[in-house]
């Protein structure tokens, strides 16, 4: 996952930063601050609220992680893990899971 994020940060940072470029730090920090304030109403017990300061949350990129176990050829077990950024490169009102 780390290599994917590094590659995206170098080639298309807008995917990571909600449509903003890396140098638009004020804008993406405001976006992430807004996101974490909204998410607190859904899950105020999330570790991000206990382990990070409000200032650190401004730099915390919200992601979703999904893992699933499957069976391949000869009933070999394997694990698939995927991730995606919660905030779309099209902005916070277009979700990455909306199709």
PDB file of N, CA and C in Angstrom:
ATOM      1  N   UNK A   1       0.820  -1.188   0.000  1.00  0.00           N
ATOM      2  CA  UNK A   1       0.000   0.000   0.000  1.00  0.00           C
ATOM      3  C   UNK A   1       0.865   1.254   0.000  1.00  0.00           C
ATOM      4  N   UNK A   2       1.946   1.214   0.744  1.00  0.00           N
ATOM      5  CA  UNK A   2       2.815   2.383   0.831  1.00  0.00           C
ATOM      6  C   UNK A   2       3.359   2.774  -0.534  1.00  0.00           C
ATOM      7  N   UNK A   3       3.806   1.804  -1.318  1.00  0.00           N
ATOM      8  CA  UNK A   3       4.369   2.120  -2.634  1.00  0.00           C
ATOM      9  C   UNK A   3       3.311   2.720  -3.561  1.00  0.00           C
ATOM     10  N   UNK A   4       2.063   2.252  -3.447  1.00  0.00           N
ATOM     11  CA  UNK A   4       0.980   2.818  -4.256  1.00  0.00           C
ATOM     12  C   UNK A   4       0.755   4.280  -3.885  1.00  0.00           C
ATOM     13  N   UNK A   5       0.710   4.569  -2.596  1.00  0.00           N
ATOM     14  CA  UNK A   5       0.453   5.934  -2.142  1.00  0.00           C
ATOM     15  C   UNK A   5       1.604   6.850  -2.539  1.00  0.00           C
ATOM     16  N   UNK A   6       2.817   6.391  -2.409  1.00  0.00           N
ATOM     17  CA  UNK A   6       3.974   7.197  -2.823  1.00  0.00           C
ATOM     18  C   UNK A   6       3.895   7.493  -4.316  1.00  0.00           C
ATOM     19  N   UNK A   7       3.575   6.487  -5.113  1.00  0.00           N
ATOM     20  CA  UNK A   7       3.447   6.689  -6.553  1.00  0.00           C
ATOM     21  C   UNK A   7       2.353   7.695  -6.878  1.00  0.00           C
ATOM     22  N   UNK A   8       1.207   7.561  -6.236  1.00  0.00           N
ATOM     23  CA  UNK A   8       0.113   8.514  -6.467  1.00  0.00           C
ATOM     24  C   UNK A   8       0.504   9.929  -6.041  1.00  0.00           C
ATOM     25  N   UNK A   9       1.190  10.046  -4.920  1.00  0.00           N
ATOM     26  CA  UNK A   9       1.601  11.366  -4.440  1.00  0.00           C
ATOM     27  C   UNK A   9       2.537  12.040  -5.430  1.00  0.00           C
ATOM     28  N   UNK A  10       3.344  11.260  -6.108  1.00  0.00           N
ATOM     29  CA  UNK A  10       4.294  11.811  -7.077  1.00  0.00           C
ATOM     30  C   UNK A  10       3.656  12.093  -8.437  1.00  0.00           C
ATOM     31  N   UNK A  11       2.668  11.291  -8.828  1.00  0.00           N
ATOM     32  CA  UNK A  11       2.128  11.418 -10.177  1.00  0.00           C
ATOM     33  C   UNK A  11       0.758  12.080 -10.251  1.00  0.00           C
ATOM     34  N   UNK A  12      -0.109  11.845  -9.287  1.00  0.00           N
ATOM     35  CA  UNK A  12      -1.454  12.410  -9.319  1.00  0.00           C
ATOM     36  C   UNK A  12      -1.944  12.635  -7.892  1.00  0.00           C
ATOM     37  N   UNK A  13      -1.371  13.616  -7.203  1.00  0.00           N
ATOM     38  CA  UNK A  13      -1.706  13.832  -5.793  1.00  0.00           C
ATOM     39  C   UNK A  13      -3.160  14.219  -5.556  1.00  0.00           C
ATOM     40  N   UNK A  14      -3.850  14.698  -6.588  1.00  0.00           N
ATOM     41  CA  UNK A  14      -5.252  15.076  -6.418  1.00  0.00           C
ATOM     42  C   UNK A  14      -6.112  13.897  -5.952  1.00  0.00           C
ATOM     43  N   UNK A  15      -5.718  12.680  -6.315  1.00  0.00           N
ATOM     44  CA  UNK A  15      -6.459  11.489  -5.892  1.00  0.00           C
ATOM     45  C   UNK A  15      -6.385  11.331  -4.372  1.00  0.00           C
ATOM     46  N   UNK A  16      -5.260  11.674  -3.806  1.00  0.00           N
ATOM     47  CA  UNK A  16      -5.059  11.526  -2.366  1.00  0.00           C
ATOM     48  C   UNK A  16      -5.665  12.688  -1.588  1.00  0.00           C
ATOM     49  N   UNK A  17      -5.547  13.886  -2.133  1.00  0.00           N
ATOM     50  CA  UNK A  17      -5.886  15.103  -1.393  1.00  0.00           C
ATOM     51  C   UNK A  17      -7.236  15.702  -1.776  1.00  0.00           C
ATOM     52  N   UNK A  18      -8.186  14.874  -2.121  1.00  0.00           N
ATOM     53  CA  UNK A  18      -9.551  15.341  -2.361  1.00  0.00           C
ATOM     54  C   UNK A  18      -9.692  16.314  -3.511  1.00  0.00           C
ATOM     55  N   UNK A  19      -8.839  16.178  -4.524  1.00  0.00           N
ATOM     56  CA  UNK A  19      -8.896  17.053  -5.687  1.00  0.00           C
ATOM     57  C   UNK A  19      -7.900  18.199  -5.650  1.00  0.00           C
ATOM     58  N   UNK A  20      -7.202  18.351  -4.544  1.00  0.00           N
ATOM     59  CA  UNK A  20      -6.222  19.427  -4.421  1.00  0.00           C
ATOM     60  C   UNK A  20      -4.819  18.923  -4.730  1.00  0.00           C
ATOM     61  N   UNK A  21      -3.973  19.830  -5.178  1.00  0.00           N
ATOM     62  CA  UNK A  21      -2.557  19.512  -5.386  1.00  0.00           C
ATOM     63  C   UNK A  21      -1.831  19.574  -4.035  1.00  0.00           C
ATOM     64  N   UNK A  22      -0.703  18.931  -3.957  1.00  0.00           N
ATOM     65  CA  UNK A  22       0.061  18.895  -2.707  1.00  0.00           C
ATOM     66  C   UNK A  22       0.375  20.298  -2.202  1.00  0.00           C
ATOM     67  N   UNK A  23       0.683  21.208  -3.137  1.00  0.00           N
ATOM     68  CA  UNK A  23       1.032  22.563  -2.699  1.00  0.00           C
ATOM     69  C   UNK A  23      -0.159  23.372  -2.200  1.00  0.00           C
ATOM     70  N   UNK A  24      -1.370  22.887  -2.391  1.00  0.00           N
ATOM     71  CA  UNK A  24      -2.570  23.549  -1.869  1.00  0.00           C
ATOM     72  C   UNK A  24      -2.866  23.056  -0.453  1.00  0.00           C
ATOM     73  N   UNK A  25      -1.841  23.089   0.368  1.00  0.00           N
ATOM     74  CA  UNK A  25      -1.900  22.509   1.707  1.00  0.00           C
ATOM     75  C   UNK A  25      -3.032  23.086   2.555  1.00  0.00           C
ATOM     76  N   UNK A  26      -3.244  24.378   2.510  1.00  0.00           N
ATOM     77  CA  UNK A  26      -4.311  24.985   3.305  1.00  0.00           C
ATOM     78  C   UNK A  26      -5.666  24.380   2.945  1.00  0.00           C
ATOM     79  N   UNK A  27      -5.922  24.206   1.643  1.00  0.00           N
ATOM     80  CA  UNK A  27      -7.212  23.687   1.197  1.00  0.00           C
ATOM     81  C   UNK A  27      -7.430  22.242   1.600  1.00  0.00           C
ATOM     82  N   UNK A  28      -6.421  21.354   1.372  1.00  0.00           N
ATOM     83  CA  UNK A  28      -6.657  19.957   1.726  1.00  0.00           C
ATOM     84  C   UNK A  28      -6.651  19.739   3.234  1.00  0.00           C
ATOM     85  N   UNK A  29      -5.919  20.558   3.959  1.00  0.00           N
ATOM     86  CA  UNK A  29      -5.976  20.442   5.420  1.00  0.00           C
ATOM     87  C   UNK A  29      -7.345  20.868   5.938  1.00  0.00           C
ATOM     88  N   UNK A  30      -7.923  21.906   5.348  1.00  0.00           N
ATOM     89  CA  UNK A  30      -9.286  22.313   5.734  1.00  0.00           C
ATOM     90  C   UNK A  30     -10.284  21.209   5.403  1.00  0.00           C
ATOM     91  N   UNK A  31     -10.102  20.558   4.246  1.00  0.00           N
ATOM     92  CA  UNK A  31     -10.987  19.469   3.844  1.00  0.00           C
ATOM     93  C   UNK A  31     -10.905  18.302   4.821  1.00  0.00           C
ATOM     94  N   UNK A  32      -9.693  17.884   5.183  1.00  0.00           N
ATOM     95  CA  UNK A  32      -9.550  16.768   6.112  1.00  0.00           C
ATOM     96  C   UNK A  32     -10.038  17.138   7.507  1.00  0.00           C
ATOM     97  N   UNK A  33      -9.816  18.377   7.928  1.00  0.00           N
ATOM     98  CA  UNK A  33     -10.329  18.832   9.222  1.00  0.00           C
ATOM     99  C   UNK A  33     -11.858  18.758   9.227  1.00  0.00           C
ATOM    100  N   UNK A  34     -12.475  19.207   8.143  1.00  0.00           N
ATOM    101  CA  UNK A  34     -13.932  19.137   8.007  1.00  0.00           C
ATOM    102  C   UNK A  34     -14.398  17.682   8.046  1.00  0.00           C
ATOM    103  N   UNK A  35     -13.716  16.803   7.311  1.00  0.00           N
ATOM    104  CA  UNK A  35     -14.112  15.396   7.285  1.00  0.00           C
ATOM    105  C   UNK A  35     -14.083  14.799   8.679  1.00  0.00           C
ATOM    106  N   UNK A  36     -12.972  14.973   9.411  1.00  0.00           N
ATOM    107  CA  UNK A  36     -12.854  14.345  10.725  1.00  0.00           C
ATOM    108  C   UNK A  36     -13.857  14.931  11.712  1.00  0.00           C
ATOM    109  N   UNK A  37     -14.220  16.194  11.569  1.00  0.00           N
ATOM    110  CA  UNK A  37     -15.256  16.774  12.428  1.00  0.00           C
ATOM    111  C   UNK A  37     -16.609  16.127  12.134  1.00  0.00           C
ATOM    112  N   UNK A  38     -16.906  15.887  10.864  1.00  0.00           N
ATOM    113  CA  UNK A  38     -18.161  15.235  10.486  1.00  0.00           C
ATOM    114  C   UNK A  38     -18.176  13.769  10.931  1.00  0.00           C
ATOM    115  N   UNK A  39     -17.056  13.080  10.738  1.00  0.00           N
ATOM    116  CA  UNK A  39     -16.977  11.654  11.069  1.00  0.00           C
ATOM    117  C   UNK A  39     -17.105  11.423  12.577  1.00  0.00           C
ATOM    118  N   UNK A  40     -16.698  12.395  13.364  1.00  0.00           N
ATOM    119  CA  UNK A  40     -16.801  12.262  14.823  1.00  0.00           C
ATOM    120  C   UNK A  40     -18.251  12.025  15.246  1.00  0.00           C
ATOM    121  N   UNK A  41     -19.200  12.585  14.508  1.00  0.00           N
ATOM    122  CA  UNK A  41     -20.618  12.393  14.838  1.00  0.00           C
ATOM    123  C   UNK A  41     -21.058  10.957  14.537  1.00  0.00           C
ATOM    124  N   UNK A  42     -20.351  10.280  13.662  1.00  0.00           N
ATOM    125  CA  UNK A  42     -20.673   8.889  13.318  1.00  0.00           C
ATOM    126  C   UNK A  42     -19.960   7.915  14.246  1.00  0.00           C
ATOM    127  N   UNK A  43     -18.675   8.159  14.494  1.00  0.00           N
ATOM    128  CA  UNK A  43     -17.893   7.254  15.332  1.00  0.00           C
ATOM    129  C   UNK A  43     -16.895   8.054  16.162  1.00  0.00           C
ATOM    130  N   UNK A  44     -17.381   8.646  17.217  1.00  0.00           N
ATOM    131  CA  UNK A  44     -16.532   9.448  18.090  1.00  0.00           C
ATOM    132  C   UNK A  44     -15.519   8.643  18.878  1.00  0.00           C
ATOM    133  N   UNK A  45     -15.641   7.326  18.860  1.00  0.00           N
ATOM    134  CA  UNK A  45     -14.685   6.477  19.577  1.00  0.00           C
ATOM    135  C   UNK A  45     -13.531   6.019  18.687  1.00  0.00           C
ATOM    136  N   UNK A  46     -13.526   6.444  17.429  1.00  0.00           N
ATOM    137  CA  UNK A  46     -12.444   6.056  16.511  1.00  0.00           C
ATOM    138  C   UNK A  46     -11.100   6.495  17.092  1.00  0.00           C
ATOM    139  N   UNK A  47     -10.066   5.665  16.980  1.00  0.00           N
ATOM    140  CA  UNK A  47      -8.751   5.997  17.555  1.00  0.00           C
ATOM    141  C   UNK A  47      -8.170   7.328  17.086  1.00  0.00           C
ATOM    142  N   UNK A  48      -8.557   7.797  15.916  1.00  0.00           N
ATOM    143  CA  UNK A  48      -7.995   9.061  15.426  1.00  0.00           C
ATOM    144  C   UNK A  48      -8.293  10.213  16.378  1.00  0.00           C
ATOM    145  N   UNK A  49      -9.388  10.122  17.144  1.00  0.00           N
ATOM    146  CA  UNK A  49      -9.751  11.193  18.077  1.00  0.00           C
ATOM    147  C   UNK A  49      -9.018  11.088  19.414  1.00  0.00           C
ATOM    148  N   UNK A  50      -8.475   9.930  19.711  1.00  0.00           N
ATOM    149  CA  UNK A  50      -7.778   9.729  20.980  1.00  0.00           C
ATOM    150  C   UNK A  50      -6.265   9.728  20.811  1.00  0.00           C
ATOM    151  N   UNK A  51      -5.804   9.367  19.623  1.00  0.00           N
ATOM    152  CA  UNK A  51      -4.361   9.232  19.398  1.00  0.00           C
ATOM    153  C   UNK A  51      -3.739  10.428  18.689  1.00  0.00           C
ATOM    154  N   UNK A  52      -4.555  11.254  18.041  1.00  0.00           N
ATOM    155  CA  UNK A  52      -4.031  12.397  17.300  1.00  0.00           C
ATOM    156  C   UNK A  52      -4.657  13.691  17.789  1.00  0.00           C
ATOM    157  N   UNK A  53      -3.880  14.740  17.727  1.00  0.00           N
ATOM    158  CA  UNK A  53      -4.417  16.062  18.060  1.00  0.00           C
ATOM    159  C   UNK A  53      -5.261  16.565  16.891  1.00  0.00           C
ATOM    160  N   UNK A  54      -6.026  17.596  17.142  1.00  0.00           N
ATOM    161  CA  UNK A  54      -6.839  18.179  16.074  1.00  0.00           C
ATOM    162  C   UNK A  54      -5.950  18.659  14.930  1.00  0.00           C
ATOM    163  N   UNK A  55      -4.798  19.212  15.271  1.00  0.00           N
ATOM    164  CA  UNK A  55      -3.875  19.680  14.234  1.00  0.00           C
ATOM    165  C   UNK A  55      -3.333  18.514  13.405  1.00  0.00           C
ATOM    166  N   UNK A  56      -3.037  17.386  14.051  1.00  0.00           N
ATOM    167  CA  UNK A  56      -2.552  16.206  13.319  1.00  0.00           C
ATOM    168  C   UNK A  56      -3.637  15.606  12.428  1.00  0.00           C
ATOM    169  N   UNK A  57      -4.874  15.688  12.837  1.00  0.00           N
ATOM    170  CA  UNK A  57      -5.969  15.154  12.010  1.00  0.00           C
ATOM    171  C   UNK A  57      -6.104  15.907  10.692  1.00  0.00           C
ATOM    172  N   UNK A  58      -5.681  17.149  10.657  1.00  0.00           N
ATOM    173  CA  UNK A  58      -5.728  17.919   9.404  1.00  0.00           C
ATOM    174  C   UNK A  58      -4.841  17.299   8.327  1.00  0.00           C
ATOM    175  N   UNK A  59      -3.845  16.536   8.748  1.00  0.00           N
ATOM    176  CA  UNK A  59      -2.937  15.881   7.808  1.00  0.00           C
ATOM    177  C   UNK A  59      -3.209  14.388   7.687  1.00  0.00           C
ATOM    178  N   UNK A  60      -4.287  13.925   8.288  1.00  0.00           N
ATOM    179  CA  UNK A  60      -4.626  12.497   8.284  1.00  0.00           C
ATOM    180  C   UNK A  60      -5.587  12.207   7.139  1.00  0.00           C
ATOM    181  N   UNK A  61      -5.116  11.442   6.172  1.00  0.00           N
ATOM    182  CA  UNK A  61      -5.894  11.129   4.976  1.00  0.00           C
ATOM    183  C   UNK A  61      -6.851   9.986   5.301  1.00  0.00           C
ATOM    184  N   UNK A  62      -8.158  10.229   5.201  1.00  0.00           N
ATOM    185  CA  UNK A  62      -9.102   9.153   5.494  1.00  0.00           C
ATOM    186  C   UNK A  62      -9.139   8.111   4.374  1.00  0.00           C
ATOM    187  N   UNK A  63      -8.964   6.853   4.752  1.00  0.00           N
ATOM    188  CA  UNK A  63      -9.006   5.757   3.790  1.00  0.00           C
ATOM    189  C   UNK A  63      -9.940   4.665   4.301  1.00  0.00           C
ATOM    190  N   UNK A  64     -10.406   3.851   3.384  1.00  0.00           N
ATOM    191  CA  UNK A  64     -11.185   2.657   3.723  1.00  0.00           C
ATOM    192  C   UNK A  64     -10.337   1.454   3.329  1.00  0.00           C
ATOM    193  N   UNK A  65     -10.341   0.439   4.180  1.00  0.00           N
ATOM    194  CA  UNK A  65      -9.599  -0.791   3.917  1.00  0.00           C
ATOM    195  C   UNK A  65     -10.584  -1.954   3.953  1.00  0.00           C
ATOM    196  N   UNK A  66     -10.443  -2.848   3.012  1.00  0.00           N
ATOM    197  CA  UNK A  66     -11.312  -4.016   2.950  1.00  0.00           C
ATOM    198  C   UNK A  66     -10.448  -5.250   2.729  1.00  0.00           C
ATOM    199  N   UNK A  67     -10.707  -6.277   3.479  1.00  0.00           N
ATOM    200  CA  UNK A  67     -10.007  -7.537   3.303  1.00  0.00           C
ATOM    201  C   UNK A  67     -11.004  -8.662   3.081  1.00  0.00           C
ATOM    202  N   UNK A  68     -10.620  -9.626   2.277  1.00  0.00           N
ATOM    203  CA  UNK A  68     -11.512 -10.747   2.002  1.00  0.00           C
ATOM    204  C   UNK A  68     -10.669 -11.987   1.748  1.00  0.00           C
ATOM    205  N   UNK A  69     -11.148 -13.092   2.250  1.00  0.00           N
ATOM    206  CA  UNK A  69     -10.466 -14.364   2.074  1.00  0.00           C
ATOM    207  C   UNK A  69     -11.150 -15.129   0.949  1.00  0.00           C
ATOM    208  N   UNK A  70     -10.371 -15.835   0.194  1.00  0.00           N
ATOM    209  CA  UNK A  70     -10.947 -16.617  -0.896  1.00  0.00           C
ATOM    210  C   UNK A  70     -10.224 -17.927  -1.071  1.00  0.00           C
ATOM    211  N   UNK A  71     -10.673 -18.689  -2.041  1.00  0.00           N
ATOM    212  CA  UNK A  71     -10.052 -19.967  -2.377  1.00  0.00           C
ATOM    213  C   UNK A  71      -9.680 -19.948  -3.850  1.00  0.00           C
ATOM    214  N   UNK A  72      -8.467 -20.327  -4.124  1.00  0.00           N
ATOM    215  CA  UNK A  72      -7.995 -20.390  -5.507  1.00  0.00           C
ATOM    216  C   UNK A  72      -7.997 -21.818  -6.003  1.00  0.00           C
ATOM    217  N   UNK A  73      -7.175 -22.045  -6.998  1.00  0.00           N
ATOM    218  CA  UNK A  73      -7.028 -23.385  -7.545  1.00  0.00           C
ATOM    219  C   UNK A  73      -6.576 -24.362  -6.460  1.00  0.00           C
ATOM    220  N   UNK A  74      -7.060 -25.560  -6.531  1.00  0.00           N
ATOM    221  CA  UNK A  74      -6.713 -26.609  -5.559  1.00  0.00           C
ATOM    222  C   UNK A  74      -7.073 -26.196  -4.134  1.00  0.00           C
ATOM    223  N   UNK A  75      -8.086 -25.382  -3.996  1.00  0.00           N
ATOM    224  CA  UNK A  75      -8.572 -24.922  -2.684  1.00  0.00           C
ATOM    225  C   UNK A  75      -7.507 -24.214  -1.855  1.00  0.00           C
ATOM    226  N   UNK A  76      -6.573 -23.563  -2.528  1.00  0.00           N
ATOM    227  CA  UNK A  76      -5.548 -22.793  -1.834  1.00  0.00           C
ATOM    228  C   UNK A  76      -6.173 -21.503  -1.286  1.00  0.00           C
ATOM    229  N   UNK A  77      -6.014 -21.266  -0.009  1.00  0.00           N
ATOM    230  CA  UNK A  77      -6.545 -20.049   0.602  1.00  0.00           C
ATOM    231  C   UNK A  77      -5.663 -18.854   0.231  1.00  0.00           C
ATOM    232  N   UNK A  78      -6.292 -17.722   0.016  1.00  0.00           N
ATOM    233  CA  UNK A  78      -5.545 -16.488  -0.212  1.00  0.00           C
ATOM    234  C   UNK A  78      -6.326 -15.321   0.376  1.00  0.00           C
ATOM    235  N   UNK A  79      -5.621 -14.243   0.622  1.00  0.00           N
ATOM    236  CA  UNK A  79      -6.227 -13.059   1.216  1.00  0.00           C
ATOM    237  C   UNK A  79      -6.047 -11.891   0.264  1.00  0.00           C
ATOM    238  N   UNK A  80      -7.118 -11.161   0.068  1.00  0.00           N
ATOM    239  CA  UNK A  80      -7.070  -9.959  -0.777  1.00  0.00           C
ATOM    240  C   UNK A  80      -7.356  -8.774   0.124  1.00  0.00           C
ATOM    241  N   UNK A  81      -6.553  -7.743  -0.023  1.00  0.00           N
ATOM    242  CA  UNK A  81      -6.774  -6.531   0.745  1.00  0.00           C
ATOM    243  C   UNK A  81      -6.796  -5.360  -0.229  1.00  0.00           C
ATOM    244  N   UNK A  82      -7.793  -4.526  -0.094  1.00  0.00           N
ATOM    245  CA  UNK A  82      -7.892  -3.359  -0.963  1.00  0.00           C
ATOM    246  C   UNK A  82      -8.103  -2.115  -0.109  1.00  0.00           C
ATOM    247  N   UNK A  83      -7.796  -0.967  -0.695  1.00  0.00           N
ATOM    248  CA  UNK A  83      -8.017   0.290   0.005  1.00  0.00           C
ATOM    249  C   UNK A  83      -8.456   1.339  -0.999  1.00  0.00           C
ATOM    250  N   UNK A  84      -9.118   2.357  -0.489  1.00  0.00           N
ATOM    251  CA  UNK A  84      -9.466   3.501  -1.314  1.00  0.00           C
ATOM    252  C   UNK A  84      -9.558   4.727  -0.434  1.00  0.00           C
ATOM    253  N   UNK A  85      -9.375   5.865  -1.053  1.00  0.00           N
ATOM    254  CA  UNK A  85      -9.479   7.119  -0.331  1.00  0.00           C
ATOM    255  C   UNK A  85     -10.957   7.451  -0.149  1.00  0.00           C
ATOM    256  N   UNK A  86     -11.328   7.893   1.034  1.00  0.00           N
ATOM    257  CA  UNK A  86     -12.721   8.179   1.332  1.00  0.00           C
ATOM    258  C   UNK A  86     -13.215   9.374   0.521  1.00  0.00           C
ATOM    259  N   UNK A  87     -12.384  10.404   0.404  1.00  0.00           N
ATOM    260  CA  UNK A  87     -12.787  11.614  -0.313  1.00  0.00           C
ATOM    261  C   UNK A  87     -12.307  11.515  -1.756  1.00  0.00           C
ATOM    262  N   UNK A  88     -13.243  11.612  -2.668  1.00  0.00           N
ATOM    263  CA  UNK A  88     -12.955  11.506  -4.095  1.00  0.00           C
ATOM    264  C   UNK A  88     -12.113  12.682  -4.593  1.00  0.00           C
ATOM    265  N   UNK A  89     -11.416  12.465  -5.683  1.00  0.00           N
ATOM    266  CA  UNK A  89     -10.694  13.568  -6.325  1.00  0.00           C
ATOM    267  C   UNK A  89     -11.667  14.595  -6.912  1.00  0.00           C
ATOM    268  N   UNK A  90     -12.942  14.231  -6.970  1.00  0.00           N
ATOM    269  CA  UNK A  90     -13.982  15.156  -7.436  1.00  0.00           C
ATOM    270  C   UNK A  90     -14.571  15.975  -6.297  1.00  0.00           C
ATOM    271  N   UNK A  91     -14.077  15.765  -5.079  1.00  0.00           N
ATOM    272  CA  UNK A  91     -14.539  16.525  -3.929  1.00  0.00           C
ATOM    273  C   UNK A  91     -15.340  15.681  -2.957  1.00  0.00           C
ATOM    274  N   UNK A  92     -15.674  16.255  -1.809  1.00  0.00           N
ATOM    275  CA  UNK A  92     -16.297  15.489  -0.739  1.00  0.00           C
ATOM    276  C   UNK A  92     -17.751  15.079  -0.992  1.00  0.00           C
ATOM    277  N   UNK A  93     -18.399  15.668  -1.981  1.00  0.00           N
ATOM    278  CA  UNK A  93     -19.797  15.343  -2.214  1.00  0.00           C
ATOM    279  C   UNK A  93     -19.988  14.317  -3.322  1.00  0.00           C
ATOM    280  N   UNK A  94     -18.891  13.816  -3.850  1.00  0.00           N
ATOM    281  CA  UNK A  94     -18.920  12.705  -4.809  1.00  0.00           C
ATOM    282  C   UNK A  94     -18.162  11.568  -4.178  1.00  0.00           C
ATOM    283  N   UNK A  95     -18.851  10.492  -3.837  1.00  0.00           N
ATOM    284  CA  UNK A  95     -18.175   9.399  -3.145  1.00  0.00           C
ATOM    285  C   UNK A  95     -17.513   8.444  -4.123  1.00  0.00           C
ATOM    286  N   UNK A  96     -16.440   7.837  -3.668  1.00  0.00           N
ATOM    287  CA  UNK A  96     -15.745   6.848  -4.474  1.00  0.00           C
ATOM    288  C   UNK A  96     -16.550   5.569  -4.580  1.00  0.00           C
ATOM    289  N   UNK A  97     -17.516   5.378  -3.708  1.00  0.00           N
ATOM    290  CA  UNK A  97     -18.304   4.146  -3.718  1.00  0.00           C
ATOM    291  C   UNK A  97     -19.642   4.322  -4.422  1.00  0.00           C
ATOM    292  N   UNK A  98     -19.851   5.469  -5.065  1.00  0.00           N
ATOM    293  CA  UNK A  98     -21.155   5.717  -5.705  1.00  0.00           C
ATOM    294  C   UNK A  98     -21.223   5.183  -7.122  1.00  0.00           C
ATOM    295  N   UNK A  99     -20.230   4.440  -7.541  1.00  0.00           N
ATOM    296  CA  UNK A  99     -20.286   3.859  -8.881  1.00  0.00           C
ATOM    297  C   UNK A  99     -19.259   4.432  -9.762  1.00  0.00           C
TER     298      UNK A  99
END
